[in-house]
Amino acid sequence: MRYTYTATDTGFVALVDGYRVCIVGGPSPIADHVDYRWTIEEDDAEDDEQAFASATGEVLASGETVTPRQADAQIAAWLDAYG
C-alpha cells in the first residue's frame, strides 16, 4: 500500500493507492457535536501537491459518521472491498 498524508484545518487528506481520501469535521446541523464527512475519489492529479489542493477525480464513495474512527473503519472497508 502506498500513501501520503497531510493535515488540514478541519481534518486530513491522504492519497492511498491512487485514491484521494478526505475526512472533514464540522458542526452537526441537528445535534451538539461534530460530524465527520468522508469521501473517496479517483486521483487524477499530476502530482501529490495538486491532489492535496483540490478534488481532481470522480467521487466513488462518501459518508458521514459521529467519530473519525468510524469514518476510518468505513474507508478501510471500502478500500479493502474495491481498492
PDB file of N, CA and C in Angstrom:
ATOM      1  N   MET A   1       0.846  -1.175   0.000  1.00  0.00           N
ATOM      2  CA  MET A   1       0.000   0.000   0.000  1.00  0.00           C
ATOM      3  C   MET A   1       0.890   1.236   0.000  1.00  0.00           C
ATOM      4  N   ARG A   2       0.614   2.147  -0.913  1.00  0.00           N
ATOM      5  CA  ARG A   2       1.354   3.403  -1.000  1.00  0.00           C
ATOM      6  C   ARG A   2       0.426   4.528  -0.571  1.00  0.00           C
ATOM      7  N   TYR A   3       0.929   5.397   0.340  1.00  0.00           N
ATOM      8  CA  TYR A   3       0.092   6.515   0.768  1.00  0.00           C
ATOM      9  C   TYR A   3       0.943   7.709   1.155  1.00  0.00           C
ATOM     10  N   THR A   4       0.334   8.889   1.037  1.00  0.00           N
ATOM     11  CA  THR A   4       0.882  10.133   1.566  1.00  0.00           C
ATOM     12  C   THR A   4      -0.258  10.822   2.305  1.00  0.00           C
ATOM     13  N   TYR A   5       0.084  11.725   3.208  1.00  0.00           N
ATOM     14  CA  TYR A   5      -0.904  12.273   4.139  1.00  0.00           C
ATOM     15  C   TYR A   5      -0.570  13.725   4.427  1.00  0.00           C
ATOM     16  N   THR A   6      -1.593  14.562   4.557  1.00  0.00           N
ATOM     17  CA  THR A   6      -1.405  15.926   5.033  1.00  0.00           C
ATOM     18  C   THR A   6      -2.611  16.341   5.875  1.00  0.00           C
ATOM     19  N   ALA A   7      -2.339  17.038   6.958  1.00  0.00           N
ATOM     20  CA  ALA A   7      -3.415  17.545   7.819  1.00  0.00           C
ATOM     21  C   ALA A   7      -3.977  18.830   7.230  1.00  0.00           C
ATOM     22  N   THR A   8      -5.262  19.081   7.476  1.00  0.00           N
ATOM     23  CA  THR A   8      -5.903  20.333   7.081  1.00  0.00           C
ATOM     24  C   THR A   8      -6.437  20.998   8.346  1.00  0.00           C
ATOM     25  N   ASP A   9      -7.052  22.159   8.201  1.00  0.00           N
ATOM     26  CA  ASP A   9      -7.618  22.851   9.366  1.00  0.00           C
ATOM     27  C   ASP A   9      -8.745  22.062  10.024  1.00  0.00           C
ATOM     28  N   THR A  10      -9.453  21.260   9.256  1.00  0.00           N
ATOM     29  CA  THR A  10     -10.629  20.564   9.793  1.00  0.00           C
ATOM     30  C   THR A  10     -10.577  19.046   9.656  1.00  0.00           C
ATOM     31  N   GLY A  11      -9.460  18.495   9.213  1.00  0.00           N
ATOM     32  CA  GLY A  11      -9.379  17.042   9.038  1.00  0.00           C
ATOM     33  C   GLY A  11      -8.079  16.641   8.378  1.00  0.00           C
ATOM     34  N   PHE A  12      -8.171  15.812   7.343  1.00  0.00           N
ATOM     35  CA  PHE A  12      -6.976  15.406   6.617  1.00  0.00           C
ATOM     36  C   PHE A  12      -7.318  15.007   5.193  1.00  0.00           C
ATOM     37  N   VAL A  13      -6.278  14.984   4.362  1.00  0.00           N
ATOM     38  CA  VAL A  13      -6.347  14.468   3.003  1.00  0.00           C
ATOM     39  C   VAL A  13      -5.217  13.471   2.869  1.00  0.00           C
ATOM     40  N   ALA A  14      -5.499  12.326   2.268  1.00  0.00           N
ATOM     41  CA  ALA A  14      -4.473  11.314   2.050  1.00  0.00           C
ATOM     42  C   ALA A  14      -4.613  10.764   0.641  1.00  0.00           C
ATOM     43  N   LEU A  15      -3.498  10.365   0.067  1.00  0.00           N
ATOM     44  CA  LEU A  15      -3.503   9.618  -1.179  1.00  0.00           C
ATOM     45  C   LEU A  15      -3.164   8.184  -0.822  1.00  0.00           C
ATOM     46  N   VAL A  16      -4.082   7.263  -1.113  1.00  0.00           N
ATOM     47  CA  VAL A  16      -3.911   5.856  -0.754  1.00  0.00           C
ATOM     48  C   VAL A  16      -4.096   5.026  -2.012  1.00  0.00           C
ATOM     49  N   ASP A  17      -3.015   4.424  -2.495  1.00  0.00           N
ATOM     50  CA  ASP A  17      -3.075   3.546  -3.669  1.00  0.00           C
ATOM     51  C   ASP A  17      -3.876   4.134  -4.827  1.00  0.00           C
ATOM     52  N   GLY A  18      -3.641   5.407  -5.138  1.00  0.00           N
ATOM     53  CA  GLY A  18      -4.305   6.031  -6.273  1.00  0.00           C
ATOM     54  C   GLY A  18      -5.668   6.631  -5.983  1.00  0.00           C
ATOM     55  N   TYR A  19      -6.078   6.638  -4.732  1.00  0.00           N
ATOM     56  CA  TYR A  19      -7.338   7.258  -4.335  1.00  0.00           C
ATOM     57  C   TYR A  19      -7.046   8.456  -3.441  1.00  0.00           C
ATOM     58  N   ARG A  20      -7.847   9.526  -3.592  1.00  0.00           N
ATOM     59  CA  ARG A  20      -7.764  10.695  -2.720  1.00  0.00           C
ATOM     60  C   ARG A  20      -8.820  10.505  -1.647  1.00  0.00           C
ATOM     61  N   VAL A  21      -8.389  10.412  -0.387  1.00  0.00           N
ATOM     62  CA  VAL A  21      -9.276  10.154   0.746  1.00  0.00           C
ATOM     63  C   VAL A  21      -9.297  11.393   1.635  1.00  0.00           C
ATOM     64  N   CYS A  22     -10.492  11.888   1.976  1.00  0.00           N
ATOM     65  CA  CYS A  22     -10.631  13.076   2.819  1.00  0.00           C
ATOM     66  C   CYS A  22     -11.571  12.788   3.978  1.00  0.00           C
ATOM     67  N   ILE A  23     -11.208  13.261   5.160  1.00  0.00           N
ATOM     68  CA  ILE A  23     -12.127  13.307   6.292  1.00  0.00           C
ATOM     69  C   ILE A  23     -12.147  14.749   6.778  1.00  0.00           C
ATOM     70  N   VAL A  24     -13.347  15.318   6.884  1.00  0.00           N
ATOM     71  CA  VAL A  24     -13.513  16.702   7.312  1.00  0.00           C
ATOM     72  C   VAL A  24     -14.528  16.735   8.449  1.00  0.00           C
ATOM     73  N   GLY A  25     -14.169  17.404   9.543  1.00  0.00           N
ATOM     74  CA  GLY A  25     -15.085  17.557  10.674  1.00  0.00           C
ATOM     75  C   GLY A  25     -15.789  18.898  10.615  1.00  0.00           C
ATOM     76  N   GLY A  26     -17.039  18.912  11.035  1.00  0.00           N
ATOM     77  CA  GLY A  26     -17.805  20.151  11.066  1.00  0.00           C
ATOM     78  C   GLY A  26     -18.969  20.033  12.021  1.00  0.00           C
ATOM     79  N   PRO A  27     -19.550  21.162  12.424  1.00  0.00           N
ATOM     80  CA  PRO A  27     -20.661  21.123  13.371  1.00  0.00           C
ATOM     81  C   PRO A  27     -21.856  20.360  12.801  1.00  0.00           C
ATOM     82  N   SER A  28     -22.467  19.565  13.629  1.00  0.00           N
ATOM     83  CA  SER A  28     -23.666  18.829  13.230  1.00  0.00           C
ATOM     84  C   SER A  28     -24.836  19.796  13.089  1.00  0.00           C
ATOM     85  N   PRO A  29     -25.646  19.650  12.041  1.00  0.00           N
ATOM     86  CA  PRO A  29     -26.807  20.529  11.894  1.00  0.00           C
ATOM     87  C   PRO A  29     -27.962  20.169  12.836  1.00  0.00           C
ATOM     88  N   ILE A  30     -27.912  18.970  13.455  1.00  0.00           N
ATOM     89  CA  ILE A  30     -29.049  18.543  14.281  1.00  0.00           C
ATOM     90  C   ILE A  30     -28.687  18.183  15.715  1.00  0.00           C
ATOM     91  N   ALA A  31     -27.404  18.212  16.067  1.00  0.00           N
ATOM     92  CA  ALA A  31     -27.007  17.831  17.429  1.00  0.00           C
ATOM     93  C   ALA A  31     -25.817  18.671  17.870  1.00  0.00           C
ATOM     94  N   ASP A  32     -25.501  18.593  19.149  1.00  0.00           N
ATOM     95  CA  ASP A  32     -24.404  19.377  19.715  1.00  0.00           C
ATOM     96  C   ASP A  32     -23.111  18.563  19.705  1.00  0.00           C
ATOM     97  N   HIS A  33     -22.634  18.237  18.517  1.00  0.00           N
ATOM     98  CA  HIS A  33     -21.365  17.529  18.369  1.00  0.00           C
ATOM     99  C   HIS A  33     -20.817  17.783  16.962  1.00  0.00           C
ATOM    100  N   VAL A  34     -19.679  17.206  16.673  1.00  0.00           N
ATOM    101  CA  VAL A  34     -19.048  17.341  15.364  1.00  0.00           C
ATOM    102  C   VAL A  34     -19.397  16.115  14.531  1.00  0.00           C
ATOM    103  N   ASP A  35     -19.786  16.321  13.293  1.00  0.00           N
ATOM    104  CA  ASP A  35     -19.963  15.237  12.327  1.00  0.00           C
ATOM    105  C   ASP A  35     -18.704  15.159  11.468  1.00  0.00           C
ATOM    106  N   TYR A  36     -18.374  13.974  11.028  1.00  0.00           N
ATOM    107  CA  TYR A  36     -17.221  13.769  10.157  1.00  0.00           C
ATOM    108  C   TYR A  36     -17.713  13.258   8.818  1.00  0.00           C
ATOM    109  N   ARG A  37     -17.396  14.008   7.773  1.00  0.00           N
ATOM    110  CA  ARG A  37     -17.777  13.625   6.419  1.00  0.00           C
ATOM    111  C   ARG A  37     -16.534  13.103   5.711  1.00  0.00           C
ATOM    112  N   TRP A  38     -16.698  12.014   4.973  1.00  0.00           N
ATOM    113  CA  TRP A  38     -15.555  11.450   4.267  1.00  0.00           C
ATOM    114  C   TRP A  38     -15.907  11.197   2.809  1.00  0.00           C
ATOM    115  N   THR A  39     -14.885  11.265   1.969  1.00  0.00           N
ATOM    116  CA  THR A  39     -15.039  10.949   0.553  1.00  0.00           C
ATOM    117  C   THR A  39     -13.831  10.161   0.078  1.00  0.00           C
ATOM    118  N   ILE A  40     -14.069   9.339  -0.917  1.00  0.00           N
ATOM    119  CA  ILE A  40     -13.003   8.650  -1.640  1.00  0.00           C
ATOM    120  C   ILE A  40     -13.187   9.030  -3.100  1.00  0.00           C
ATOM    121  N   GLU A  41     -12.112   9.538  -3.713  1.00  0.00           N
ATOM    122  CA  GLU A  41     -12.163   9.974  -5.108  1.00  0.00           C
ATOM    123  C   GLU A  41     -11.043   9.314  -5.891  1.00  0.00           C
ATOM    124  N   GLU A  42     -11.256   9.195  -7.209  1.00  0.00           N
ATOM    125  CA  GLU A  42     -10.154   8.802  -8.071  1.00  0.00           C
ATOM    126  C   GLU A  42      -9.132   9.922  -8.039  1.00  0.00           C
ATOM    127  N   ASP A  43      -7.857   9.580  -8.074  1.00  0.00           N
ATOM    128  CA  ASP A  43      -6.805  10.599  -8.081  1.00  0.00           C
ATOM    129  C   ASP A  43      -6.297  10.780  -9.500  1.00  0.00           C
ATOM    130  N   ASP A  44      -6.722  11.864 -10.143  1.00  0.00           N
ATOM    131  CA  ASP A  44      -6.276  12.182 -11.497  1.00  0.00           C
ATOM    132  C   ASP A  44      -5.230  13.285 -11.512  1.00  0.00           C
ATOM    133  N   ALA A  45      -4.698  13.648 -10.348  1.00  0.00           N
ATOM    134  CA  ALA A  45      -3.742  14.754 -10.250  1.00  0.00           C
ATOM    135  C   ALA A  45      -2.402  14.366 -10.866  1.00  0.00           C
ATOM    136  N   GLU A  46      -1.717  15.376 -11.351  1.00  0.00           N
ATOM    137  CA  GLU A  46      -0.389  15.165 -11.919  1.00  0.00           C
ATOM    138  C   GLU A  46       0.645  14.879 -10.841  1.00  0.00           C
ATOM    139  N   ASP A  47       0.463  15.467  -9.654  1.00  0.00           N
ATOM    140  CA  ASP A  47       1.413  15.258  -8.563  1.00  0.00           C
ATOM    141  C   ASP A  47       0.678  15.355  -7.231  1.00  0.00           C
ATOM    142  N   ASP A  48       1.358  14.997  -6.145  1.00  0.00           N
ATOM    143  CA  ASP A  48       0.744  14.984  -4.822  1.00  0.00           C
ATOM    144  C   ASP A  48       0.279  16.365  -4.384  1.00  0.00           C
ATOM    145  N   GLU A  49       1.033  17.423  -4.690  1.00  0.00           N
ATOM    146  CA  GLU A  49       0.646  18.776  -4.285  1.00  0.00           C
ATOM    147  C   GLU A  49      -0.682  19.175  -4.914  1.00  0.00           C
ATOM    148  N   GLN A  50      -0.857  18.862  -6.189  1.00  0.00           N
ATOM    149  CA  GLN A  50      -2.115  19.187  -6.858  1.00  0.00           C
ATOM    150  C   GLN A  50      -3.265  18.402  -6.231  1.00  0.00           C
ATOM    151  N   ALA A  51      -3.039  17.144  -5.900  1.00  0.00           N
ATOM    152  CA  ALA A  51      -4.094  16.312  -5.306  1.00  0.00           C
ATOM    153  C   ALA A  51      -4.527  16.850  -3.954  1.00  0.00           C
ATOM    154  N   PHE A  52      -3.574  17.334  -3.167  1.00  0.00           N
ATOM    155  CA  PHE A  52      -3.921  17.870  -1.857  1.00  0.00           C
ATOM    156  C   PHE A  52      -4.648  19.205  -1.973  1.00  0.00           C
ATOM    157  N   ALA A  53      -4.425  19.946  -3.054  1.00  0.00           N
ATOM    158  CA  ALA A  53      -5.003  21.279  -3.201  1.00  0.00           C
ATOM    159  C   ALA A  53      -6.499  21.247  -3.492  1.00  0.00           C
ATOM    160  N   SER A  54      -6.952  20.275  -4.272  1.00  0.00           N
ATOM    161  CA  SER A  54      -8.372  20.265  -4.640  1.00  0.00           C
ATOM    162  C   SER A  54      -8.789  18.885  -5.120  1.00  0.00           C
ATOM    163  N   ALA A  55     -10.080  18.675  -5.145  1.00  0.00           N
ATOM    164  CA  ALA A  55     -10.616  17.430  -5.668  1.00  0.00           C
ATOM    165  C   ALA A  55     -10.330  17.370  -7.164  1.00  0.00           C
ATOM    166  N   THR A  56      -9.840  16.239  -7.632  1.00  0.00           N
ATOM    167  CA  THR A  56      -9.463  16.144  -9.035  1.00  0.00           C
ATOM    168  C   THR A  56     -10.142  15.000  -9.765  1.00  0.00           C
ATOM    169  N   GLY A  57     -10.844  14.154  -9.062  1.00  0.00           N
ATOM    170  CA  GLY A  57     -11.438  12.999  -9.722  1.00  0.00           C
ATOM    171  C   GLY A  57     -12.881  12.777  -9.318  1.00  0.00           C
ATOM    172  N   GLU A  58     -13.457  11.752  -9.903  1.00  0.00           N
ATOM    173  CA  GLU A  58     -14.844  11.386  -9.616  1.00  0.00           C
ATOM    174  C   GLU A  58     -14.983  10.846  -8.195  1.00  0.00           C
ATOM    175  N   VAL A  59     -16.014  11.276  -7.479  1.00  0.00           N
ATOM    176  CA  VAL A  59     -16.279  10.752  -6.137  1.00  0.00           C
ATOM    177  C   VAL A  59     -16.818   9.337  -6.287  1.00  0.00           C
ATOM    178  N   LEU A  60     -16.133   8.381  -5.657  1.00  0.00           N
ATOM    179  CA  LEU A  60     -16.516   6.978  -5.729  1.00  0.00           C
ATOM    180  C   LEU A  60     -17.348   6.538  -4.536  1.00  0.00           C
ATOM    181  N   ALA A  61     -17.122   7.167  -3.383  1.00  0.00           N
ATOM    182  CA  ALA A  61     -17.853   6.810  -2.164  1.00  0.00           C
ATOM    183  C   ALA A  61     -17.811   7.988  -1.206  1.00  0.00           C
ATOM    184  N   SER A  62     -18.831   8.086  -0.352  1.00  0.00           N
ATOM    185  CA  SER A  62     -18.850   9.134   0.665  1.00  0.00           C
ATOM    186  C   SER A  62     -19.741   8.684   1.812  1.00  0.00           C
ATOM    187  N   GLY A  63     -19.589   9.358   2.950  1.00  0.00           N
ATOM    188  CA  GLY A  63     -20.412   9.025   4.101  1.00  0.00           C
ATOM    189  C   GLY A  63     -20.251  10.034   5.213  1.00  0.00           C
ATOM    190  N   GLU A  64     -21.035   9.860   6.268  1.00  0.00           N
ATOM    191  CA  GLU A  64     -20.964  10.714   7.459  1.00  0.00           C
ATOM    192  C   GLU A  64     -20.957   9.834   8.690  1.00  0.00           C
ATOM    193  N   THR A  65     -20.182  10.233   9.694  1.00  0.00           N
ATOM    194  CA  THR A  65     -20.113   9.500  10.954  1.00  0.00           C
ATOM    195  C   THR A  65     -20.033  10.487  12.110  1.00  0.00           C
ATOM    196  N   VAL A  66     -20.126   9.967  13.325  1.00  0.00           N
ATOM    197  CA  VAL A  66     -20.043  10.794  14.522  1.00  0.00           C
ATOM    198  C   VAL A  66     -18.611  10.861  15.049  1.00  0.00           C
ATOM    199  N   THR A  67     -17.776   9.876  14.723  1.00  0.00           N
ATOM    200  CA  THR A  67     -16.380   9.883  15.172  1.00  0.00           C
ATOM    201  C   THR A  67     -15.448   9.641  13.993  1.00  0.00           C
ATOM    202  N   PRO A  68     -14.218  10.172  14.058  1.00  0.00           N
ATOM    203  CA  PRO A  68     -13.266   9.909  12.981  1.00  0.00           C
ATOM    204  C   PRO A  68     -12.901   8.428  12.897  1.00  0.00           C
ATOM    205  N   ARG A  69     -12.942   7.710  14.013  1.00  0.00           N
ATOM    206  CA  ARG A  69     -12.622   6.274  13.990  1.00  0.00           C
ATOM    207  C   ARG A  69     -13.652   5.497  13.159  1.00  0.00           C
ATOM    208  N   GLN A  70     -14.930   5.896  13.242  1.00  0.00           N
ATOM    209  CA  GLN A  70     -15.952   5.261  12.410  1.00  0.00           C
ATOM    210  C   GLN A  70     -15.692   5.549  10.934  1.00  0.00           C
ATOM    211  N   ALA A  71     -15.324   6.784  10.625  1.00  0.00           N
ATOM    212  CA  ALA A  71     -15.010   7.142   9.243  1.00  0.00           C
ATOM    213  C   ALA A  71     -13.827   6.328   8.747  1.00  0.00           C
ATOM    214  N   ASP A  72     -12.799   6.194   9.575  1.00  0.00           N
ATOM    215  CA  ASP A  72     -11.620   5.413   9.231  1.00  0.00           C
ATOM    216  C   ASP A  72     -12.002   3.970   8.921  1.00  0.00           C
ATOM    217  N   ALA A  73     -12.862   3.383   9.743  1.00  0.00           N
ATOM    218  CA  ALA A  73     -13.281   1.995   9.538  1.00  0.00           C
ATOM    219  C   ALA A  73     -14.073   1.844   8.236  1.00  0.00           C
ATOM    220  N   GLN A  74     -14.948   2.805   7.937  1.00  0.00           N
ATOM    221  CA  GLN A  74     -15.733   2.738   6.708  1.00  0.00           C
ATOM    222  C   GLN A  74     -14.842   2.894   5.479  1.00  0.00           C
ATOM    223  N   ILE A  75     -13.874   3.800   5.546  1.00  0.00           N
ATOM    224  CA  ILE A  75     -12.935   3.991   4.433  1.00  0.00           C
ATOM    225  C   ILE A  75     -12.107   2.732   4.221  1.00  0.00           C
ATOM    226  N   ALA A  76     -11.575   2.166   5.299  1.00  0.00           N
ATOM    227  CA  ALA A  76     -10.763   0.947   5.190  1.00  0.00           C
ATOM    228  C   ALA A  76     -11.574  -0.197   4.591  1.00  0.00           C
ATOM    229  N   ALA A  77     -12.826  -0.341   5.005  1.00  0.00           N
ATOM    230  CA  ALA A  77     -13.678  -1.400   4.458  1.00  0.00           C
ATOM    231  C   ALA A  77     -13.907  -1.195   2.963  1.00  0.00           C
ATOM    232  N   TRP A  78     -14.137   0.055   2.539  1.00  0.00           N
ATOM    233  CA  TRP A  78     -14.347   0.330   1.119  1.00  0.00           C
ATOM    234  C   TRP A  78     -13.082   0.015   0.326  1.00  0.00           C
ATOM    235  N   LEU A  79     -11.926   0.469   0.824  1.00  0.00           N
ATOM    236  CA  LEU A  79     -10.670   0.212   0.117  1.00  0.00           C
ATOM    237  C   LEU A  79     -10.377  -1.283   0.035  1.00  0.00           C
ATOM    238  N   ASP A  80     -10.672  -2.030   1.099  1.00  0.00           N
ATOM    239  CA  ASP A  80     -10.477  -3.485   1.066  1.00  0.00           C
ATOM    240  C   ASP A  80     -11.385  -4.140   0.028  1.00  0.00           C
ATOM    241  N   ALA A  81     -12.613  -3.666  -0.063  1.00  0.00           N
ATOM    242  CA  ALA A  81     -13.577  -4.275  -0.975  1.00  0.00           C
ATOM    243  C   ALA A  81     -13.366  -3.874  -2.436  1.00  0.00           C
ATOM    244  N   TYR A  82     -13.021  -2.609  -2.679  1.00  0.00           N
ATOM    245  CA  TYR A  82     -12.992  -2.093  -4.045  1.00  0.00           C
ATOM    246  C   TYR A  82     -11.634  -1.587  -4.513  1.00  0.00           C
ATOM    247  N   GLY A  83     -10.733  -1.307  -3.596  1.00  0.00           N
ATOM    248  CA  GLY A  83      -9.450  -0.689  -3.947  1.00  0.00           C
ATOM    249  C   GLY A  83      -8.445  -1.622  -4.540  1.00  0.00           C
TER     250      GLY A  83
END
